[in-house]
Amino acid sequence: MNYSYIIIDANQEDVLKTKGIADRFSELEFLASANNYSEGLNLILEHTPALVFLEIDPATTTSNLSLALINELHRYLKVIPKIIVTTSKKDLAFEAIQHGVTDYLLKPLLRIDLIKLTLKLNKSKVEKAEDLNEPIFNDVKPVFLPQQETVSQGQSLTLCIKSYGDYRYIDAKDICYLRADNNSTDLHLYNGEMITAFKTLKHFEGVLSYPFIRIHNSYIVNRNYISRIHSGNSVCYIKNSAVKLPFSKSYKVNIDLIISEFANGNYLEI
């Protein structure tokens, strides 16, 4: 999925920083930028972008940038672009939510912020298509698995596989990959053990988060156990094993993000 976007920010340096991060995402298509209210409004009406990165509390007050721009858009457009607030202050978040913004990003923007944004946008489109019983074609890209709000970001998730009074506890970080098997799912651990859970792979999409990534209709992989990715053969290899997992064309965007994540770490390409 591609999303055209406009950046509206009084600080031109921040415009360039936002664009610099967004340029790393093939699905984000830059259209134009503006530094004040009137220019920004005109650009949105002219280009009708999918996304607008909007600074709502700039240091330069003469730019007149604020959430009021959203209200003005409703005067002219039946469908409002998704507004992504970019600002350095947290205290405007509640007001922004009341204006129906899609996301609220604090400066300085990080690459992970746009990873999460694009994944949420893709997820929303897929869910909308499913709700309408529309076919999801190959150009509809999958998403990283959503984060459960009830799980602490700093706490390792423990899975309990329960069967007839038998409670089996597994640290999620020990799972290399998950494989769908009809209405059950096989969990393959780093020690070579395999455990069957009588839940569908789709169920695990709702309880697991990054680094678990859907790469195929039948597979979710833990990114931390990937040792090799072969794009030509459409397979990825699991560390310390002979296991090769296929990835499908429709999930190629997730593979690209994995490759990009590796490159952004402590990384040397030879």
C-alpha atoms as a PDB file:
ATOM      1  CA  MET A   1       0.000   0.000   0.000  1.00  0.00           C
ATOM      2  CA  ASN A   2       1.268   3.484  -0.828  1.00  0.00           C
ATOM      3  CA  TYR A   3       0.452   6.645   1.116  1.00  0.00           C
ATOM      4  CA  SER A   4       1.080  10.093  -0.302  1.00  0.00           C
ATOM      5  CA  TYR A   5       1.933  12.731   2.267  1.00  0.00           C
ATOM      6  CA  ILE A   6       2.515  16.430   2.908  1.00  0.00           C
ATOM      7  CA  ILE A   7       4.612  17.920   5.698  1.00  0.00           C
ATOM      8  CA  ILE A   8       3.429  21.156   7.334  1.00  0.00           C
ATOM      9  CA  ASP A   9       5.928  22.566   9.815  1.00  0.00           C
ATOM     10  CA  ALA A  10       7.176  26.094  10.524  1.00  0.00           C
ATOM     11  CA  ASN A  11      10.703  24.769  11.043  1.00  0.00           C
ATOM     12  CA  GLN A  12      12.244  23.851   7.680  1.00  0.00           C
ATOM     13  CA  GLU A  13      14.944  21.803   9.391  1.00  0.00           C
ATOM     14  CA  ASP A  14      12.240  19.660  10.995  1.00  0.00           C
ATOM     15  CA  VAL A  15      10.561  19.298   7.594  1.00  0.00           C
ATOM     16  CA  LEU A  16      13.794  17.864   6.202  1.00  0.00           C
ATOM     17  CA  LYS A  17      14.240  15.558   9.191  1.00  0.00           C
ATOM     18  CA  THR A  18      10.716  14.166   8.821  1.00  0.00           C
ATOM     19  CA  LYS A  19      11.166  13.696   5.085  1.00  0.00           C
ATOM     20  CA  GLY A  20      14.557  12.077   5.628  1.00  0.00           C
ATOM     21  CA  ILE A  21      13.034   9.387   7.834  1.00  0.00           C
ATOM     22  CA  ALA A  22       9.965   8.932   5.615  1.00  0.00           C
ATOM     23  CA  ASP A  23      12.169   8.520   2.530  1.00  0.00           C
ATOM     24  CA  ARG A  24      13.319   5.180   3.925  1.00  0.00           C
ATOM     25  CA  PHE A  25       9.819   3.757   3.462  1.00  0.00           C
ATOM     26  CA  SER A  26       8.868   2.786  -0.077  1.00  0.00           C
ATOM     27  CA  GLU A  27       5.164   3.013   0.759  1.00  0.00           C
ATOM     28  CA  LEU A  28       5.403   6.700   1.735  1.00  0.00           C
ATOM     29  CA  GLU A  29       5.279   9.100  -1.238  1.00  0.00           C
ATOM     30  CA  PHE A  30       6.309  12.714  -0.621  1.00  0.00           C
ATOM     31  CA  LEU A  31       4.204  15.366  -2.382  1.00  0.00           C
ATOM     32  CA  ALA A  32       5.092  18.760  -0.927  1.00  0.00           C
ATOM     33  CA  SER A  33       5.793  20.748   2.240  1.00  0.00           C
ATOM     34  CA  ALA A  34       4.657  24.053   3.698  1.00  0.00           C
ATOM     35  CA  ASN A  35       5.769  26.297   6.554  1.00  0.00           C
ATOM     36  CA  ASN A  36       2.527  28.046   7.481  1.00  0.00           C
ATOM     37  CA  TYR A  37      -1.236  27.626   7.794  1.00  0.00           C
ATOM     38  CA  SER A  38      -2.377  29.099   4.472  1.00  0.00           C
ATOM     39  CA  GLU A  39       0.262  27.335   2.356  1.00  0.00           C
ATOM     40  CA  GLY A  40      -0.455  24.062   4.104  1.00  0.00           C
ATOM     41  CA  LEU A  41      -4.195  24.349   3.588  1.00  0.00           C
ATOM     42  CA  ASN A  42      -3.747  25.135  -0.099  1.00  0.00           C
ATOM     43  CA  LEU A  43      -1.402  22.184  -0.605  1.00  0.00           C
ATOM     44  CA  ILE A  44      -3.825  19.761   1.029  1.00  0.00           C
ATOM     45  CA  LEU A  45      -6.730  20.989  -1.113  1.00  0.00           C
ATOM     46  CA  GLU A  46      -4.598  20.825  -4.252  1.00  0.00           C
ATOM     47  CA  HIS A  47      -2.993  17.418  -3.744  1.00  0.00           C
ATOM     48  CA  THR A  48      -5.497  15.652  -1.427  1.00  0.00           C
ATOM     49  CA  PRO A  49      -2.788  13.523   0.222  1.00  0.00           C
ATOM     50  CA  ALA A  50      -3.458  10.397   2.235  1.00  0.00           C
ATOM     51  CA  LEU A  51      -1.399  11.699   5.165  1.00  0.00           C
ATOM     52  CA  VAL A  52      -0.489  15.088   6.600  1.00  0.00           C
ATOM     53  CA  PHE A  53       2.392  15.473   9.061  1.00  0.00           C
ATOM     54  CA  LEU A  54       1.337  18.550  11.014  1.00  0.00           C
ATOM     55  CA  GLU A  55       3.174  20.594  13.638  1.00  0.00           C
ATOM     56  CA  ILE A  56       0.501  22.081  15.909  1.00  0.00           C
ATOM     57  CA  ASP A  57       2.583  24.163  18.333  1.00  0.00           C
ATOM     58  CA  PRO A  58       5.548  25.671  16.474  1.00  0.00           C
ATOM     59  CA  ALA A  59       8.038  28.111  17.970  1.00  0.00           C
ATOM     60  CA  THR A  60       7.205  30.511  15.135  1.00  0.00           C
ATOM     61  CA  THR A  61       3.719  31.692  16.062  1.00  0.00           C
ATOM     62  CA  THR A  62       3.400  33.756  12.881  1.00  0.00           C
ATOM     63  CA  SER A  63       2.948  30.484  10.974  1.00  0.00           C
ATOM     64  CA  ASN A  64      -0.513  30.133  12.614  1.00  0.00           C
ATOM     65  CA  LEU A  65      -0.167  26.366  12.675  1.00  0.00           C
ATOM     66  CA  SER A  66      -2.528  24.601  15.070  1.00  0.00           C
ATOM     67  CA  LEU A  67      -5.279  21.998  15.252  1.00  0.00           C
ATOM     68  CA  ALA A  68      -7.607  24.633  13.774  1.00  0.00           C
ATOM     69  CA  LEU A  69      -6.326  23.545  10.364  1.00  0.00           C
ATOM     70  CA  ILE A  70      -8.264  20.303  10.773  1.00  0.00           C
ATOM     71  CA  ASN A  71     -11.499  22.188  11.363  1.00  0.00           C
ATOM     72  CA  GLU A  72     -10.902  24.209   8.210  1.00  0.00           C
ATOM     73  CA  LEU A  73     -10.424  21.047   6.142  1.00  0.00           C
ATOM     74  CA  HIS A  74     -13.937  19.919   7.042  1.00  0.00           C
ATOM     75  CA  ARG A  75     -15.280  22.986   5.244  1.00  0.00           C
ATOM     76  CA  TYR A  76     -13.916  21.785   1.914  1.00  0.00           C
ATOM     77  CA  LEU A  77     -13.313  18.037   1.991  1.00  0.00           C
ATOM     78  CA  LYS A  78     -15.694  15.144   2.434  1.00  0.00           C
ATOM     79  CA  VAL A  79     -12.792  12.828   3.254  1.00  0.00           C
ATOM     80  CA  ILE A  80     -10.127  14.322   5.521  1.00  0.00           C
ATOM     81  CA  PRO A  81      -6.511  13.104   5.173  1.00  0.00           C
ATOM     82  CA  LYS A  82      -5.139  11.194   8.113  1.00  0.00           C
ATOM     83  CA  ILE A  83      -3.459  13.775  10.320  1.00  0.00           C
ATOM     84  CA  ILE A  84      -0.184  12.821  11.979  1.00  0.00           C
ATOM     85  CA  VAL A  85       0.666  15.379  14.637  1.00  0.00           C
ATOM     86  CA  THR A  86       4.389  16.063  15.067  1.00  0.00           C
ATOM     87  CA  THR A  87       5.309  18.249  18.019  1.00  0.00           C
ATOM     88  CA  SER A  88       7.645  18.451  20.986  1.00  0.00           C
ATOM     89  CA  LYS A  89       4.910  18.818  23.626  1.00  0.00           C
ATOM     90  CA  LYS A  90       2.888  16.032  25.199  1.00  0.00           C
ATOM     91  CA  ASP A  91       0.194  18.213  26.750  1.00  0.00           C
ATOM     92  CA  LEU A  92      -1.720  18.717  23.500  1.00  0.00           C
ATOM     93  CA  ALA A  93      -2.344  15.007  22.963  1.00  0.00           C
ATOM     94  CA  PHE A  94      -5.855  14.925  24.472  1.00  0.00           C
ATOM     95  CA  GLU A  95      -7.008  17.867  22.408  1.00  0.00           C
ATOM     96  CA  ALA A  96      -5.495  16.293  19.304  1.00  0.00           C
ATOM     97  CA  ILE A  97      -7.377  13.049  19.935  1.00  0.00           C
ATOM     98  CA  GLN A  98     -10.602  15.034  20.193  1.00  0.00           C
ATOM     99  CA  HIS A  99      -9.858  16.377  16.714  1.00  0.00           C
ATOM    100  CA  GLY A 100      -9.616  12.802  15.428  1.00  0.00           C
ATOM    101  CA  VAL A 101      -5.919  12.717  14.566  1.00  0.00           C
ATOM    102  CA  THR A 102      -4.506   9.376  13.479  1.00  0.00           C
ATOM    103  CA  ASP A 103      -1.277   9.579  15.467  1.00  0.00           C
ATOM    104  CA  TYR A 104       0.611  11.891  17.820  1.00  0.00           C
ATOM    105  CA  LEU A 105       4.398  11.755  17.386  1.00  0.00           C
ATOM    106  CA  LEU A 106       6.858  13.553  19.610  1.00  0.00           C
ATOM    107  CA  LYS A 107       9.912  15.228  18.160  1.00  0.00           C
ATOM    108  CA  PRO A 108      12.547  14.285  17.407  1.00  0.00           C
ATOM    109  CA  LEU A 109      10.870  11.673  15.227  1.00  0.00           C
ATOM    110  CA  LEU A 110      12.398   8.206  15.253  1.00  0.00           C
ATOM    111  CA  ARG A 111      12.364   5.626  12.524  1.00  0.00           C
ATOM    112  CA  ILE A 112      10.408   3.235  14.754  1.00  0.00           C
ATOM    113  CA  ASP A 113       7.643   5.857  14.948  1.00  0.00           C
ATOM    114  CA  LEU A 114       7.056   5.598  11.205  1.00  0.00           C
ATOM    115  CA  ILE A 115       7.377   1.817  11.266  1.00  0.00           C
ATOM    116  CA  LYS A 116       4.528   1.697  13.784  1.00  0.00           C
ATOM    117  CA  LEU A 117       2.532   4.260  11.801  1.00  0.00           C
ATOM    118  CA  THR A 118       2.745   2.433   8.471  1.00  0.00           C
ATOM    119  CA  LEU A 119       1.934  -0.864  10.100  1.00  0.00           C
ATOM    120  CA  LYS A 120      -1.149   0.583  11.804  1.00  0.00           C
ATOM    121  CA  LEU A 121      -2.287   2.082   8.508  1.00  0.00           C
ATOM    122  CA  ASN A 122      -1.846  -1.231   6.697  1.00  0.00           C
ATOM    123  CA  LYS A 123      -3.607  -3.123   9.474  1.00  0.00           C
ATOM    124  CA  SER A 124      -6.531  -0.715   9.357  1.00  0.00           C
ATOM    125  CA  LYS A 125      -6.950  -1.200   5.597  1.00  0.00           C
ATOM    126  CA  VAL A 126      -6.792  -4.977   5.858  1.00  0.00           C
ATOM    127  CA  GLU A 127      -9.355  -5.038   8.662  1.00  0.00           C
ATOM    128  CA  LYS A 128     -11.644  -2.708   6.722  1.00  0.00           C
ATOM    129  CA  ALA A 129     -11.471  -4.966   3.677  1.00  0.00           C
ATOM    130  CA  GLU A 130     -12.238  -8.005   5.829  1.00  0.00           C
ATOM    131  CA  ASP A 131     -15.202  -6.245   7.452  1.00  0.00           C
ATOM    132  CA  LEU A 132     -16.613  -5.441   4.033  1.00  0.00           C
ATOM    133  CA  ASN A 133     -15.999  -9.019   2.876  1.00  0.00           C
ATOM    134  CA  GLU A 134     -13.794  -7.679   0.128  1.00  0.00           C
ATOM    135  CA  PRO A 135     -11.020  -9.827  -1.355  1.00  0.00           C
ATOM    136  CA  ILE A 136      -7.536  -8.857  -0.207  1.00  0.00           C
ATOM    137  CA  PHE A 137      -5.320  -8.863  -3.278  1.00  0.00           C
ATOM    138  CA  ASN A 138      -1.569  -9.307  -3.432  1.00  0.00           C
ATOM    139  CA  ASP A 139      -0.883  -5.580  -3.324  1.00  0.00           C
ATOM    140  CA  VAL A 140      -2.403  -5.391   0.153  1.00  0.00           C
ATOM    141  CA  LYS A 141       0.550  -5.634   2.491  1.00  0.00           C
ATOM    142  CA  PRO A 142       0.525  -7.392   5.851  1.00  0.00           C
ATOM    143  CA  VAL A 143       1.551  -5.849   9.118  1.00  0.00           C
ATOM    144  CA  PHE A 144       3.680  -6.504  12.149  1.00  0.00           C
ATOM    145  CA  LEU A 145       1.692  -8.042  14.924  1.00  0.00           C
ATOM    146  CA  PRO A 146      -0.103  -5.519  17.160  1.00  0.00           C
ATOM    147  CA  GLN A 147       1.085  -4.824  20.683  1.00  0.00           C
ATOM    148  CA  GLN A 148      -1.218  -5.923  23.469  1.00  0.00           C
ATOM    149  CA  GLU A 149      -1.912  -2.910  25.672  1.00  0.00           C
ATOM    150  CA  THR A 150      -2.021  -5.134  28.735  1.00  0.00           C
ATOM    151  CA  VAL A 151       1.553  -6.342  28.250  1.00  0.00           C
ATOM    152  CA  SER A 152       4.314  -4.197  29.674  1.00  0.00           C
ATOM    153  CA  GLN A 153       6.844  -3.191  27.035  1.00  0.00           C
ATOM    154  CA  GLY A 154       9.710  -4.016  29.383  1.00  0.00           C
ATOM    155  CA  GLN A 155       8.344  -7.354  30.587  1.00  0.00           C
ATOM    156  CA  SER A 156       8.946 -10.661  28.837  1.00  0.00           C
ATOM    157  CA  LEU A 157       5.655 -12.271  27.833  1.00  0.00           C
ATOM    158  CA  THR A 158       4.880 -15.725  29.211  1.00  0.00           C
ATOM    159  CA  LEU A 159       2.517 -17.958  27.247  1.00  0.00           C
ATOM    160  CA  CYS A 160       0.476 -20.579  29.055  1.00  0.00           C
ATOM    161  CA  ILE A 161      -0.519 -23.513  26.844  1.00  0.00           C
ATOM    162  CA  LYS A 162      -3.426 -25.112  28.698  1.00  0.00           C
ATOM    163  CA  SER A 163      -4.920 -28.517  27.914  1.00  0.00           C
ATOM    164  CA  TYR A 164      -7.170 -30.568  30.213  1.00  0.00           C
ATOM    165  CA  GLY A 165      -5.652 -29.248  33.433  1.00  0.00           C
ATOM    166  CA  ASP A 166      -2.098 -29.290  32.078  1.00  0.00           C
ATOM    167  CA  TYR A 167      -0.512 -25.817  32.243  1.00  0.00           C
ATOM    168  CA  ARG A 168       2.621 -25.429  30.121  1.00  0.00           C
ATOM    169  CA  TYR A 169       4.508 -22.121  30.537  1.00  0.00           C
ATOM    170  CA  ILE A 170       6.686 -20.785  27.731  1.00  0.00           C
ATOM    171  CA  ASP A 171       8.708 -17.594  27.493  1.00  0.00           C
ATOM    172  CA  ALA A 172       7.703 -15.941  24.235  1.00  0.00           C
ATOM    173  CA  LYS A 173      11.333 -14.982  23.613  1.00  0.00           C
ATOM    174  CA  ASP A 174      12.186 -18.711  23.361  1.00  0.00           C
ATOM    175  CA  ILE A 175       9.873 -19.240  20.363  1.00  0.00           C
ATOM    176  CA  CYS A 176      11.718 -19.291  17.026  1.00  0.00           C
ATOM    177  CA  TYR A 177       8.638 -19.486  14.827  1.00  0.00           C
ATOM    178  CA  LEU A 178       4.982 -20.518  14.711  1.00  0.00           C
ATOM    179  CA  ARG A 179       3.433 -22.695  12.037  1.00  0.00           C
ATOM    180  CA  ALA A 180      -0.274 -22.978  11.275  1.00  0.00           C
ATOM    181  CA  ASP A 181      -1.760 -26.474  11.250  1.00  0.00           C
ATOM    182  CA  ASN A 182      -5.459 -26.209  10.425  1.00  0.00           C
ATOM    183  CA  ASN A 183      -7.122 -24.959  13.627  1.00  0.00           C
ATOM    184  CA  SER A 184      -4.032 -25.412  15.781  1.00  0.00           C
ATOM    185  CA  THR A 185      -0.577 -23.833  15.790  1.00  0.00           C
ATOM    186  CA  ASP A 186       2.814 -25.473  16.281  1.00  0.00           C
ATOM    187  CA  LEU A 187       5.239 -23.429  18.391  1.00  0.00           C
ATOM    188  CA  HIS A 188       8.866 -24.245  17.576  1.00  0.00           C
ATOM    189  CA  LEU A 189      11.322 -23.384  20.348  1.00  0.00           C
ATOM    190  CA  TYR A 190      15.027 -22.540  20.118  1.00  0.00           C
ATOM    191  CA  ASN A 191      15.953 -25.864  21.790  1.00  0.00           C
ATOM    192  CA  GLY A 192      14.294 -27.851  19.003  1.00  0.00           C
ATOM    193  CA  GLU A 193      11.140 -28.678  20.955  1.00  0.00           C
ATOM    194  CA  MET A 194       7.742 -28.282  19.306  1.00  0.00           C
ATOM    195  CA  ILE A 195       4.547 -27.568  21.256  1.00  0.00           C
ATOM    196  CA  THR A 196       1.045 -27.585  19.779  1.00  0.00           C
ATOM    197  CA  ALA A 197      -1.459 -24.987  20.883  1.00  0.00           C
ATOM    198  CA  PHE A 198      -5.107 -25.444  19.965  1.00  0.00           C
ATOM    199  CA  LYS A 199      -5.481 -21.893  18.735  1.00  0.00           C
ATOM    200  CA  THR A 200      -5.275 -20.596  15.171  1.00  0.00           C
ATOM    201  CA  LEU A 201      -2.330 -18.603  13.877  1.00  0.00           C
ATOM    202  CA  LYS A 202      -4.686 -15.633  13.623  1.00  0.00           C
ATOM    203  CA  HIS A 203      -5.253 -15.852  17.372  1.00  0.00           C
ATOM    204  CA  PHE A 204      -1.533 -15.419  17.966  1.00  0.00           C
ATOM    205  CA  GLU A 205      -1.571 -12.276  15.838  1.00  0.00           C
ATOM    206  CA  GLY A 206      -3.596 -10.681  18.606  1.00  0.00           C
ATOM    207  CA  VAL A 207      -1.389 -11.718  21.528  1.00  0.00           C
ATOM    208  CA  LEU A 208       2.140 -11.454  20.168  1.00  0.00           C
ATOM    209  CA  SER A 209       3.996  -8.329  19.134  1.00  0.00           C
ATOM    210  CA  TYR A 210       7.303  -7.411  17.516  1.00  0.00           C
ATOM    211  CA  PRO A 211       9.763  -9.195  17.152  1.00  0.00           C
ATOM    212  CA  PHE A 212       7.133 -11.726  15.993  1.00  0.00           C
ATOM    213  CA  ILE A 213       6.417 -11.014  12.335  1.00  0.00           C
ATOM    214  CA  ARG A 214       4.005 -12.610   9.870  1.00  0.00           C
ATOM    215  CA  ILE A 215       5.891 -13.685   6.743  1.00  0.00           C
ATOM    216  CA  HIS A 216       3.461 -16.181   5.224  1.00  0.00           C
ATOM    217  CA  ASN A 217      -0.129 -17.334   5.614  1.00  0.00           C
ATOM    218  CA  SER A 218       1.241 -20.283   7.566  1.00  0.00           C
ATOM    219  CA  TYR A 219       4.196 -18.746   9.407  1.00  0.00           C
ATOM    220  CA  ILE A 220       5.043 -16.176  12.052  1.00  0.00           C
ATOM    221  CA  VAL A 221       8.754 -15.816  12.772  1.00  0.00           C
ATOM    222  CA  ASN A 222      10.695 -14.348  15.678  1.00  0.00           C
ATOM    223  CA  ARG A 223      12.979 -11.837  13.966  1.00  0.00           C
ATOM    224  CA  ASN A 224      15.667 -12.457  16.600  1.00  0.00           C
ATOM    225  CA  TYR A 225      16.181 -16.024  15.362  1.00  0.00           C
ATOM    226  CA  ILE A 226      16.640 -15.181  11.687  1.00  0.00           C
ATOM    227  CA  SER A 227      20.183 -15.864  10.491  1.00  0.00           C
ATOM    228  CA  ARG A 228      19.756 -15.410   6.737  1.00  0.00           C
ATOM    229  CA  ILE A 229      17.261 -14.060   4.238  1.00  0.00           C
ATOM    230  CA  HIS A 230      17.377 -15.195   0.601  1.00  0.00           C
ATOM    231  CA  SER A 231      15.125 -12.949  -1.450  1.00  0.00           C
ATOM    232  CA  GLY A 232      15.654 -14.900  -4.666  1.00  0.00           C
ATOM    233  CA  ASN A 233      14.379 -18.131  -3.142  1.00  0.00           C
ATOM    234  CA  SER A 234      11.881 -16.335  -0.872  1.00  0.00           C
ATOM    235  CA  VAL A 235      13.083 -18.086   2.259  1.00  0.00           C
ATOM    236  CA  CYS A 236      14.581 -17.109   5.590  1.00  0.00           C
ATOM    237  CA  TYR A 237      16.797 -19.331   7.708  1.00  0.00           C
ATOM    238  CA  ILE A 238      16.533 -20.008  11.447  1.00  0.00           C
ATOM    239  CA  LYS A 239      19.677 -19.742  13.577  1.00  0.00           C
ATOM    240  CA  ASN A 240      21.507 -22.946  14.581  1.00  0.00           C
ATOM    241  CA  SER A 241      19.222 -25.159  12.526  1.00  0.00           C
ATOM    242  CA  ALA A 242      18.543 -26.348   8.991  1.00  0.00           C
ATOM    243  CA  VAL A 243      15.051 -24.848   9.044  1.00  0.00           C
ATOM    244  CA  LYS A 244      14.086 -22.635   6.095  1.00  0.00           C
ATOM    245  CA  LEU A 245      10.805 -20.740   6.265  1.00  0.00           C
ATOM    246  CA  PRO A 246       9.114 -19.508   3.091  1.00  0.00           C
ATOM    247  CA  PHE A 247       7.821 -15.978   2.834  1.00  0.00           C
ATOM    248  CA  SER A 248       5.148 -15.009   0.348  1.00  0.00           C
ATOM    249  CA  LYS A 249       5.105 -12.074  -2.039  1.00  0.00           C
ATOM    250  CA  SER A 250       2.233 -10.413  -0.205  1.00  0.00           C
ATOM    251  CA  TYR A 251       4.340 -10.327   2.974  1.00  0.00           C
ATOM    252  CA  LYS A 252       7.493  -9.035   1.279  1.00  0.00           C
ATOM    253  CA  VAL A 253       7.078  -5.637   2.958  1.00  0.00           C
ATOM    254  CA  ASN A 254       7.641  -7.284   6.350  1.00  0.00           C
ATOM    255  CA  ILE A 255      10.803  -8.958   5.065  1.00  0.00           C
ATOM    256  CA  ASP A 256      12.037  -5.598   3.784  1.00  0.00           C
ATOM    257  CA  LEU A 257      11.442  -4.087   7.214  1.00  0.00           C
ATOM    258  CA  ILE A 258      13.388  -6.915   8.875  1.00  0.00           C
ATOM    259  CA  ILE A 259      16.334  -6.315   6.527  1.00  0.00           C
ATOM    260  CA  SER A 260      16.145  -2.608   7.261  1.00  0.00           C
ATOM    261  CA  GLU A 261      16.058  -3.254  11.015  1.00  0.00           C
ATOM    262  CA  PHE A 262      19.224  -5.350  10.820  1.00  0.00           C
ATOM    263  CA  ALA A 263      20.941  -2.596   8.850  1.00  0.00           C
ATOM    264  CA  ASN A 264      20.071  -0.001  11.477  1.00  0.00           C
ATOM    265  CA  GLY A 265      21.682  -1.930  14.316  1.00  0.00           C
ATOM    266  CA  ASN A 266      25.364  -2.496  15.116  1.00  0.00           C
ATOM    267  CA  TYR A 267      25.924  -3.573  11.554  1.00  0.00           C
ATOM    268  CA  LEU A 268      28.707  -4.105   9.045  1.00  0.00           C
ATOM    269  CA  GLU A 269      27.991  -5.127   5.463  1.00  0.00           C
ATOM    270  CA  ILE A 270      30.818  -6.938   3.680  1.00  0.00           C
END
